[in-house]
Amino acid sequence: WKPKFGWQEFFVPSPFRERKLCDGIRDSNIEPICGRPLGLKSDTQTCLLYIAYDYFGILVVGSNGGTTIRLAISAEGVLFKFTNGLDIDTSTRM
């Protein structure tokens, strides 16, 4: 939130995300295409923002925002089904 400008986009989950299709839509059938961030966790030491995205897995973005980097879509060979939260281990940064 920037008082002078209002809400501003900080990150996008993919460079291929289409604003016309995804922004302002409340149709749950489009969620697998557009996604929805369900969990956020910031690492205060690295200034990285980790995002649990419902259909896209675990993503990360730097302090300047922009396009995210996908970190994981599975664990031990099992695909994430509906990622909705995360935590950061302070000793391993993972």
PDB file of N, CA and C in Angstrom:
ATOM      1  N   TRP A   1       0.846  -1.175   0.000  1.00  0.00           N
ATOM      2  CA  TRP A   1       0.000   0.000   0.000  1.00  0.00           C
ATOM      3  C   TRP A   1       0.889   1.235   0.000  1.00  0.00           C
ATOM      4  N   LYS A   2       0.641   2.109  -0.940  1.00  0.00           N
ATOM      5  CA  LYS A   2       1.330   3.398  -0.992  1.00  0.00           C
ATOM      6  C   LYS A   2       0.248   4.464  -0.986  1.00  0.00           C
ATOM      7  N   PRO A   3       0.169   5.269   0.093  1.00  0.00           N
ATOM      8  CA  PRO A   3      -0.928   6.224   0.234  1.00  0.00           C
ATOM      9  C   PRO A   3      -1.176   7.088  -0.996  1.00  0.00           C
ATOM     10  N   LYS A   4      -0.130   7.493  -1.663  1.00  0.00           N
ATOM     11  CA  LYS A   4      -0.288   8.371  -2.816  1.00  0.00           C
ATOM     12  C   LYS A   4      -0.830   7.626  -4.040  1.00  0.00           C
ATOM     13  N   PHE A   5      -0.534   6.324  -4.132  1.00  0.00           N
ATOM     14  CA  PHE A   5      -0.875   5.555  -5.332  1.00  0.00           C
ATOM     15  C   PHE A   5      -1.881   4.433  -5.096  1.00  0.00           C
ATOM     16  N   GLY A   6      -2.087   4.028  -3.841  1.00  0.00           N
ATOM     17  CA  GLY A   6      -2.967   2.904  -3.544  1.00  0.00           C
ATOM     18  C   GLY A   6      -2.205   1.587  -3.564  1.00  0.00           C
ATOM     19  N   TRP A   7      -2.929   0.510  -3.798  1.00  0.00           N
ATOM     20  CA  TRP A   7      -2.305  -0.814  -3.843  1.00  0.00           C
ATOM     21  C   TRP A   7      -1.465  -0.939  -5.105  1.00  0.00           C
ATOM     22  N   GLN A   8      -0.293  -1.533  -4.954  1.00  0.00           N
ATOM     23  CA  GLN A   8       0.596  -1.728  -6.091  1.00  0.00           C
ATOM     24  C   GLN A   8       1.018  -3.184  -6.152  1.00  0.00           C
ATOM     25  N   GLU A   9       1.178  -3.677  -7.353  1.00  0.00           N
ATOM     26  CA  GLU A   9       1.617  -5.057  -7.554  1.00  0.00           C
ATOM     27  C   GLU A   9       3.075  -5.184  -7.138  1.00  0.00           C
ATOM     28  N   PHE A  10       3.371  -6.152  -6.264  1.00  0.00           N
ATOM     29  CA  PHE A  10       4.738  -6.358  -5.790  1.00  0.00           C
ATOM     30  C   PHE A  10       5.413  -7.515  -6.508  1.00  0.00           C
ATOM     31  N   PHE A  11       4.669  -8.588  -6.747  1.00  0.00           N
ATOM     32  CA  PHE A  11       5.251  -9.730  -7.447  1.00  0.00           C
ATOM     33  C   PHE A  11       4.215 -10.389  -8.335  1.00  0.00           C
ATOM     34  N   VAL A  12       4.707 -11.140  -9.315  1.00  0.00           N
ATOM     35  CA  VAL A  12       3.850 -11.978 -10.157  1.00  0.00           C
ATOM     36  C   VAL A  12       4.420 -13.389 -10.118  1.00  0.00           C
ATOM     37  N   PRO A  13       3.565 -14.413 -10.113  1.00  0.00           N
ATOM     38  CA  PRO A  13       4.056 -15.778  -9.992  1.00  0.00           C
ATOM     39  C   PRO A  13       4.715 -16.314 -11.256  1.00  0.00           C
ATOM     40  N   SER A  14       4.471 -15.679 -12.381  1.00  0.00           N
ATOM     41  CA  SER A  14       5.004 -16.177 -13.647  1.00  0.00           C
ATOM     42  C   SER A  14       5.071 -15.036 -14.654  1.00  0.00           C
ATOM     43  N   PRO A  15       6.095 -15.036 -15.506  1.00  0.00           N
ATOM     44  CA  PRO A  15       6.138 -14.004 -16.542  1.00  0.00           C
ATOM     45  C   PRO A  15       5.029 -14.175 -17.576  1.00  0.00           C
ATOM     46  N   PHE A  16       4.357 -15.319 -17.547  1.00  0.00           N
ATOM     47  CA  PHE A  16       3.302 -15.616 -18.519  1.00  0.00           C
ATOM     48  C   PHE A  16       1.905 -15.320 -17.987  1.00  0.00           C
ATOM     49  N   ARG A  17       1.814 -14.796 -16.778  1.00  0.00           N
ATOM     50  CA  ARG A  17       0.516 -14.478 -16.181  1.00  0.00           C
ATOM     51  C   ARG A  17      -0.169 -13.380 -16.992  1.00  0.00           C
ATOM     52  N   GLU A  18      -1.440 -13.599 -17.307  1.00  0.00           N
ATOM     53  CA  GLU A  18      -2.200 -12.632 -18.100  1.00  0.00           C
ATOM     54  C   GLU A  18      -3.112 -11.814 -17.194  1.00  0.00           C
ATOM     55  N   ARG A  19      -2.834 -10.537 -17.086  1.00  0.00           N
ATOM     56  CA  ARG A  19      -3.641  -9.666 -16.231  1.00  0.00           C
ATOM     57  C   ARG A  19      -5.105  -9.652 -16.638  1.00  0.00           C
ATOM     58  N   LYS A  20      -5.390  -9.595 -17.930  1.00  0.00           N
ATOM     59  CA  LYS A  20      -6.782  -9.540 -18.388  1.00  0.00           C
ATOM     60  C   LYS A  20      -7.561 -10.766 -17.929  1.00  0.00           C
ATOM     61  N   LEU A  21      -6.901 -11.904 -17.887  1.00  0.00           N
ATOM     62  CA  LEU A  21      -7.559 -13.142 -17.488  1.00  0.00           C
ATOM     63  C   LEU A  21      -7.666 -13.252 -15.965  1.00  0.00           C
ATOM     64  N   CYS A  22      -6.624 -12.850 -15.243  1.00  0.00           N
ATOM     65  CA  CYS A  22      -6.517 -13.158 -13.819  1.00  0.00           C
ATOM     66  C   CYS A  22      -6.941 -12.054 -12.851  1.00  0.00           C
ATOM     67  N   ASP A  23      -6.701 -10.806 -13.169  1.00  0.00           N
ATOM     68  CA  ASP A  23      -6.954  -9.730 -12.206  1.00  0.00           C
ATOM     69  C   ASP A  23      -8.443  -9.479 -11.995  1.00  0.00           C
ATOM     70  N   GLY A  24      -8.844  -9.437 -10.728  1.00  0.00           N
ATOM     71  CA  GLY A  24     -10.216  -9.109 -10.373  1.00  0.00           C
ATOM     72  C   GLY A  24     -11.219 -10.229 -10.579  1.00  0.00           C
ATOM     73  N   ILE A  25     -10.756 -11.407 -10.940  1.00  0.00           N
ATOM     74  CA  ILE A  25     -11.659 -12.534 -11.201  1.00  0.00           C
ATOM     75  C   ILE A  25     -11.882 -13.325  -9.914  1.00  0.00           C
ATOM     76  N   ARG A  26     -13.116 -13.720  -9.680  1.00  0.00           N
ATOM     77  CA  ARG A  26     -13.443 -14.529  -8.505  1.00  0.00           C
ATOM     78  C   ARG A  26     -13.933 -15.913  -8.901  1.00  0.00           C
ATOM     79  N   ASP A  27     -13.627 -16.318 -10.111  1.00  0.00           N
ATOM     80  CA  ASP A  27     -14.047 -17.615 -10.630  1.00  0.00           C
ATOM     81  C   ASP A  27     -13.040 -18.677 -10.195  1.00  0.00           C
ATOM     82  N   SER A  28     -13.463 -19.606  -9.338  1.00  0.00           N
ATOM     83  CA  SER A  28     -12.547 -20.633  -8.824  1.00  0.00           C
ATOM     84  C   SER A  28     -12.046 -21.578  -9.912  1.00  0.00           C
ATOM     85  N   ASN A  29     -12.725 -21.640 -11.052  1.00  0.00           N
ATOM     86  CA  ASN A  29     -12.263 -22.495 -12.147  1.00  0.00           C
ATOM     87  C   ASN A  29     -10.978 -21.967 -12.783  1.00  0.00           C
ATOM     88  N   ILE A  30     -10.680 -20.697 -12.574  1.00  0.00           N
ATOM     89  CA  ILE A  30      -9.485 -20.092 -13.164  1.00  0.00           C
ATOM     90  C   ILE A  30      -8.287 -20.184 -12.215  1.00  0.00           C
ATOM     91  N   GLU A  31      -8.509 -20.551 -10.954  1.00  0.00           N
ATOM     92  CA  GLU A  31      -7.416 -20.627  -9.989  1.00  0.00           C
ATOM     93  C   GLU A  31      -6.247 -21.496 -10.445  1.00  0.00           C
ATOM     94  N   PRO A  32      -6.463 -22.661 -11.063  1.00  0.00           N
ATOM     95  CA  PRO A  32      -5.307 -23.450 -11.505  1.00  0.00           C
ATOM     96  C   PRO A  32      -4.448 -22.729 -12.546  1.00  0.00           C
ATOM     97  N   ILE A  33      -5.028 -21.778 -13.250  1.00  0.00           N
ATOM     98  CA  ILE A  33      -4.285 -21.020 -14.263  1.00  0.00           C
ATOM     99  C   ILE A  33      -3.640 -19.784 -13.632  1.00  0.00           C
ATOM    100  N   CYS A  34      -4.404 -19.066 -12.839  1.00  0.00           N
ATOM    101  CA  CYS A  34      -3.929 -17.793 -12.278  1.00  0.00           C
ATOM    102  C   CYS A  34      -3.263 -17.959 -10.919  1.00  0.00           C
ATOM    103  N   GLY A  35      -3.664 -18.988 -10.183  1.00  0.00           N
ATOM    104  CA  GLY A  35      -3.106 -19.211  -8.864  1.00  0.00           C
ATOM    105  C   GLY A  35      -3.649 -18.250  -7.827  1.00  0.00           C
ATOM    106  N   ARG A  36      -3.199 -18.494  -6.589  1.00  0.00           N
ATOM    107  CA  ARG A  36      -3.610 -17.631  -5.483  1.00  0.00           C
ATOM    108  C   ARG A  36      -2.597 -17.814  -4.357  1.00  0.00           C
ATOM    109  N   PRO A  37      -1.956 -16.740  -3.911  1.00  0.00           N
ATOM    110  CA  PRO A  37      -1.011 -16.882  -2.798  1.00  0.00           C
ATOM    111  C   PRO A  37      -1.778 -17.095  -1.495  1.00  0.00           C
ATOM    112  N   LEU A  38      -1.417 -18.143  -0.764  1.00  0.00           N
ATOM    113  CA  LEU A  38      -2.128 -18.460   0.469  1.00  0.00           C
ATOM    114  C   LEU A  38      -1.271 -18.284   1.709  1.00  0.00           C
ATOM    115  N   GLY A  39       0.036 -18.287   1.551  1.00  0.00           N
ATOM    116  CA  GLY A  39       0.922 -18.118   2.698  1.00  0.00           C
ATOM    117  C   GLY A  39       2.122 -17.274   2.325  1.00  0.00           C
ATOM    118  N   LEU A  40       2.498 -16.367   3.204  1.00  0.00           N
ATOM    119  CA  LEU A  40       3.662 -15.510   2.984  1.00  0.00           C
ATOM    120  C   LEU A  40       4.557 -15.585   4.208  1.00  0.00           C
ATOM    121  N   LYS A  41       5.860 -15.606   3.975  1.00  0.00           N
ATOM    122  CA  LYS A  41       6.815 -15.582   5.080  1.00  0.00           C
ATOM    123  C   LYS A  41       8.041 -14.820   4.623  1.00  0.00           C
ATOM    124  N   SER A  42       8.445 -13.826   5.378  1.00  0.00           N
ATOM    125  CA  SER A  42       9.637 -13.063   5.005  1.00  0.00           C
ATOM    126  C   SER A  42      10.825 -13.529   5.835  1.00  0.00           C
ATOM    127  N   ASP A  43      11.979 -13.559   5.200  1.00  0.00           N
ATOM    128  CA  ASP A  43      13.231 -13.888   5.869  1.00  0.00           C
ATOM    129  C   ASP A  43      13.919 -12.559   6.147  1.00  0.00           C
ATOM    130  N   THR A  44      13.965 -12.163   7.396  1.00  0.00           N
ATOM    131  CA  THR A  44      14.494 -10.847   7.747  1.00  0.00           C
ATOM    132  C   THR A  44      16.000 -10.744   7.548  1.00  0.00           C
ATOM    133  N   GLN A  45      16.701 -11.877   7.492  1.00  0.00           N
ATOM    134  CA  GLN A  45      18.151 -11.831   7.279  1.00  0.00           C
ATOM    135  C   GLN A  45      18.505 -11.656   5.807  1.00  0.00           C
ATOM    136  N   THR A  46      17.732 -12.259   4.918  1.00  0.00           N
ATOM    137  CA  THR A  46      18.048 -12.197   3.485  1.00  0.00           C
ATOM    138  C   THR A  46      17.154 -11.226   2.722  1.00  0.00           C
ATOM    139  N   CYS A  47      16.107 -10.734   3.368  1.00  0.00           N
ATOM    140  CA  CYS A  47      15.116  -9.840   2.737  1.00  0.00           C
ATOM    141  C   CYS A  47      14.389 -10.516   1.578  1.00  0.00           C
ATOM    142  N   LEU A  48      14.243 -11.828   1.657  1.00  0.00           N
ATOM    143  CA  LEU A  48      13.488 -12.567   0.648  1.00  0.00           C
ATOM    144  C   LEU A  48      12.077 -12.815   1.167  1.00  0.00           C
ATOM    145  N   LEU A  49      11.123 -12.830   0.249  1.00  0.00           N
ATOM    146  CA  LEU A  49       9.742 -13.141   0.579  1.00  0.00           C
ATOM    147  C   LEU A  49       9.409 -14.496  -0.032  1.00  0.00           C
ATOM    148  N   TYR A  50       9.037 -15.449   0.822  1.00  0.00           N
ATOM    149  CA  TYR A  50       8.650 -16.784   0.372  1.00  0.00           C
ATOM    150  C   TYR A  50       7.134 -16.834   0.291  1.00  0.00           C
ATOM    151  N   ILE A  51       6.629 -17.450  -0.774  1.00  0.00           N
ATOM    152  CA  ILE A  51       5.196 -17.477  -1.029  1.00  0.00           C
ATOM    153  C   ILE A  51       4.738 -18.919  -1.214  1.00  0.00           C
ATOM    154  N   ALA A  52       3.726 -19.320  -0.455  1.00  0.00           N
ATOM    155  CA  ALA A  52       3.072 -20.610  -0.663  1.00  0.00           C
ATOM    156  C   ALA A  52       1.913 -20.340  -1.614  1.00  0.00           C
ATOM    157  N   TYR A  53       2.062 -20.799  -2.833  1.00  0.00           N
ATOM    158  CA  TYR A  53       1.063 -20.539  -3.868  1.00  0.00           C
ATOM    159  C   TYR A  53       0.242 -21.797  -4.060  1.00  0.00           C
ATOM    160  N   ASP A  54      -1.078 -21.658  -4.070  1.00  0.00           N
ATOM    161  CA  ASP A  54      -1.958 -22.822  -4.074  1.00  0.00           C
ATOM    162  C   ASP A  54      -1.616 -23.862  -5.135  1.00  0.00           C
ATOM    163  N   TYR A  55      -1.454 -23.470  -6.361  1.00  0.00           N
ATOM    164  CA  TYR A  55      -1.212 -24.441  -7.426  1.00  0.00           C
ATOM    165  C   TYR A  55       0.215 -24.412  -7.962  1.00  0.00           C
ATOM    166  N   PHE A  56       1.027 -23.442  -7.547  1.00  0.00           N
ATOM    167  CA  PHE A  56       2.361 -23.273  -8.132  1.00  0.00           C
ATOM    168  C   PHE A  56       3.493 -23.715  -7.220  1.00  0.00           C
ATOM    169  N   GLY A  57       3.206 -24.103  -5.978  1.00  0.00           N
ATOM    170  CA  GLY A  57       4.245 -24.562  -5.065  1.00  0.00           C
ATOM    171  C   GLY A  57       4.831 -23.435  -4.228  1.00  0.00           C
ATOM    172  N   ILE A  58       6.112 -23.593  -3.880  1.00  0.00           N
ATOM    173  CA  ILE A  58       6.810 -22.607  -3.060  1.00  0.00           C
ATOM    174  C   ILE A  58       7.612 -21.689  -3.979  1.00  0.00           C
ATOM    175  N   LEU A  59       7.364 -20.394  -3.875  1.00  0.00           N
ATOM    176  CA  LEU A  59       8.023 -19.394  -4.707  1.00  0.00           C
ATOM    177  C   LEU A  59       8.791 -18.422  -3.816  1.00  0.00           C
ATOM    178  N   VAL A  60       9.723 -17.682  -4.414  1.00  0.00           N
ATOM    179  CA  VAL A  60      10.472 -16.671  -3.674  1.00  0.00           C
ATOM    180  C   VAL A  60      10.674 -15.448  -4.559  1.00  0.00           C
ATOM    181  N   VAL A  61      10.720 -14.284  -3.918  1.00  0.00           N
ATOM    182  CA  VAL A  61      10.966 -13.034  -4.637  1.00  0.00           C
ATOM    183  C   VAL A  61      11.832 -12.149  -3.746  1.00  0.00           C
ATOM    184  N   GLY A  62      12.671 -11.340  -4.364  1.00  0.00           N
ATOM    185  CA  GLY A  62      13.555 -10.444  -3.629  1.00  0.00           C
ATOM    186  C   GLY A  62      12.845  -9.213  -3.105  1.00  0.00           C
ATOM    187  N   SER A  63      13.593  -8.386  -2.409  1.00  0.00           N
ATOM    188  CA  SER A  63      13.016  -7.211  -1.746  1.00  0.00           C
ATOM    189  C   SER A  63      12.506  -6.146  -2.714  1.00  0.00           C
ATOM    190  N   ASN A  64      12.897  -6.226  -3.976  1.00  0.00           N
ATOM    191  CA  ASN A  64      12.396  -5.269  -4.972  1.00  0.00           C
ATOM    192  C   ASN A  64      11.175  -5.783  -5.722  1.00  0.00           C
ATOM    193  N   GLY A  65      10.722  -6.993  -5.385  1.00  0.00           N
ATOM    194  CA  GLY A  65       9.566  -7.565  -6.064  1.00  0.00           C
ATOM    195  C   GLY A  65       9.910  -8.062  -7.451  1.00  0.00           C
ATOM    196  N   GLY A  66       8.886  -8.195  -8.293  1.00  0.00           N
ATOM    197  CA  GLY A  66       9.091  -8.659  -9.660  1.00  0.00           C
ATOM    198  C   GLY A  66       8.553 -10.058  -9.868  1.00  0.00           C
ATOM    199  N   THR A  67       9.154 -10.774 -10.807  1.00  0.00           N
ATOM    200  CA  THR A  67       8.736 -12.141 -11.107  1.00  0.00           C
ATOM    201  C   THR A  67       9.376 -13.099 -10.109  1.00  0.00           C
ATOM    202  N   THR A  68       8.589 -14.025  -9.605  1.00  0.00           N
ATOM    203  CA  THR A  68       9.077 -14.977  -8.613  1.00  0.00           C
ATOM    204  C   THR A  68       9.939 -16.060  -9.248  1.00  0.00           C
ATOM    205  N   ILE A  69      10.655 -16.767  -8.379  1.00  0.00           N
ATOM    206  CA  ILE A  69      11.406 -17.960  -8.768  1.00  0.00           C
ATOM    207  C   ILE A  69      10.758 -19.131  -8.043  1.00  0.00           C
ATOM    208  N   ARG A  70      10.460 -20.181  -8.773  1.00  0.00           N
ATOM    209  CA  ARG A  70       9.864 -21.368  -8.152  1.00  0.00           C
ATOM    210  C   ARG A  70      10.972 -22.165  -7.477  1.00  0.00           C
ATOM    211  N   LEU A  71      10.786 -22.457  -6.192  1.00  0.00           N
ATOM    212  CA  LEU A  71      11.758 -23.236  -5.438  1.00  0.00           C
ATOM    213  C   LEU A  71      11.423 -24.715  -5.416  1.00  0.00           C
ATOM    214  N   ALA A  72      10.144 -25.035  -5.292  1.00  0.00           N
ATOM    215  CA  ALA A  72       9.756 -26.443  -5.189  1.00  0.00           C
ATOM    216  C   ALA A  72       8.291 -26.627  -5.554  1.00  0.00           C
ATOM    217  N   ILE A  73       8.019 -27.765  -6.177  1.00  0.00           N
ATOM    218  CA  ILE A  73       6.633 -28.159  -6.441  1.00  0.00           C
ATOM    219  C   ILE A  73       6.335 -29.517  -5.811  1.00  0.00           C
ATOM    220  N   SER A  74       7.375 -30.108  -5.183  1.00  0.00           N
ATOM    221  CA  SER A  74       7.204 -31.420  -4.568  1.00  0.00           C
ATOM    222  C   SER A  74       8.220 -31.593  -3.442  1.00  0.00           C
ATOM    223  N   ALA A  75       8.007 -32.634  -2.656  1.00  0.00           N
ATOM    224  CA  ALA A  75       8.947 -33.027  -1.605  1.00  0.00           C
ATOM    225  C   ALA A  75       9.056 -34.541  -1.627  1.00  0.00           C
ATOM    226  N   GLU A  76      10.279 -35.040  -1.709  1.00  0.00           N
ATOM    227  CA  GLU A  76      10.544 -36.477  -1.738  1.00  0.00           C
ATOM    228  C   GLU A  76       9.726 -37.179  -2.815  1.00  0.00           C
ATOM    229  N   GLY A  77       9.591 -36.531  -3.966  1.00  0.00           N
ATOM    230  CA  GLY A  77       8.903 -37.125  -5.107  1.00  0.00           C
ATOM    231  C   GLY A  77       7.391 -37.013  -5.097  1.00  0.00           C
ATOM    232  N   VAL A  78       6.826 -36.394  -4.075  1.00  0.00           N
ATOM    233  CA  VAL A  78       5.372 -36.243  -3.975  1.00  0.00           C
ATOM    234  C   VAL A  78       5.020 -34.787  -4.295  1.00  0.00           C
ATOM    235  N   LEU A  79       4.191 -34.598  -5.335  1.00  0.00           N
ATOM    236  CA  LEU A  79       3.784 -33.246  -5.723  1.00  0.00           C
ATOM    237  C   LEU A  79       2.958 -32.584  -4.628  1.00  0.00           C
ATOM    238  N   PHE A  80       3.199 -31.303  -4.419  1.00  0.00           N
ATOM    239  CA  PHE A  80       2.348 -30.544  -3.509  1.00  0.00           C
ATOM    240  C   PHE A  80       0.959 -30.459  -4.125  1.00  0.00           C
ATOM    241  N   LYS A  81      -0.065 -30.606  -3.314  1.00  0.00           N
ATOM    242  CA  LYS A  81      -1.443 -30.570  -3.805  1.00  0.00           C
ATOM    243  C   LYS A  81      -2.082 -29.195  -3.661  1.00  0.00           C
ATOM    244  N   PHE A  82      -1.909 -28.573  -2.520  1.00  0.00           N
ATOM    245  CA  PHE A  82      -2.551 -27.279  -2.278  1.00  0.00           C
ATOM    246  C   PHE A  82      -1.726 -26.559  -1.217  1.00  0.00           C
ATOM    247  N   THR A  83      -0.664 -25.910  -1.645  1.00  0.00           N
ATOM    248  CA  THR A  83       0.284 -25.279  -0.733  1.00  0.00           C
ATOM    249  C   THR A  83      -0.358 -24.056  -0.092  1.00  0.00           C
ATOM    250  N   ASN A  84      -0.499 -24.077   1.241  1.00  0.00           N
ATOM    251  CA  ASN A  84      -1.187 -22.953   1.875  1.00  0.00           C
ATOM    252  C   ASN A  84      -0.455 -22.353   3.070  1.00  0.00           C
ATOM    253  N   GLY A  85       0.775 -22.757   3.307  1.00  0.00           N
ATOM    254  CA  GLY A  85       1.532 -22.175   4.406  1.00  0.00           C
ATOM    255  C   GLY A  85       2.977 -22.640   4.369  1.00  0.00           C
ATOM    256  N   LEU A  86       3.845 -21.930   5.076  1.00  0.00           N
ATOM    257  CA  LEU A  86       5.248 -22.309   5.121  1.00  0.00           C
ATOM    258  C   LEU A  86       5.913 -21.658   6.313  1.00  0.00           C
ATOM    259  N   ASP A  87       7.107 -22.149   6.636  1.00  0.00           N
ATOM    260  CA  ASP A  87       7.906 -21.581   7.704  1.00  0.00           C
ATOM    261  C   ASP A  87       9.361 -21.657   7.278  1.00  0.00           C
ATOM    262  N   ILE A  88      10.205 -20.834   7.866  1.00  0.00           N
ATOM    263  CA  ILE A  88      11.621 -20.802   7.518  1.00  0.00           C
ATOM    264  C   ILE A  88      12.427 -21.244   8.726  1.00  0.00           C
ATOM    265  N   ASP A  89      13.303 -22.235   8.534  1.00  0.00           N
ATOM    266  CA  ASP A  89      14.206 -22.686   9.587  1.00  0.00           C
ATOM    267  C   ASP A  89      15.327 -21.654   9.709  1.00  0.00           C
ATOM    268  N   THR A  90      15.488 -21.068  10.882  1.00  0.00           N
ATOM    269  CA  THR A  90      16.468 -19.990  11.039  1.00  0.00           C
ATOM    270  C   THR A  90      17.911 -20.468  10.946  1.00  0.00           C
ATOM    271  N   SER A  91      18.161 -21.762  11.133  1.00  0.00           N
ATOM    272  CA  SER A  91      19.542 -22.247  11.038  1.00  0.00           C
ATOM    273  C   SER A  91      19.928 -22.637   9.617  1.00  0.00           C
ATOM    274  N   THR A  92      18.998 -23.177   8.838  1.00  0.00           N
ATOM    275  CA  THR A  92      19.318 -23.610   7.467  1.00  0.00           C
ATOM    276  C   THR A  92      18.837 -22.631   6.407  1.00  0.00           C
ATOM    277  N   ARG A  93      17.985 -21.654   6.797  1.00  0.00           N
ATOM    278  CA  ARG A  93      17.387 -20.689   5.876  1.00  0.00           C
ATOM    279  C   ARG A  93      16.432 -21.369   4.901  1.00  0.00           C
ATOM    280  N   MET A  94      16.011 -22.559   5.161  1.00  0.00           N
ATOM    281  CA  MET A  94      15.077 -23.289   4.298  1.00  0.00           C
ATOM    282  C   MET A  94      13.789 -23.554   5.043  1.00  0.00           C
TER     283      MET A  94
END
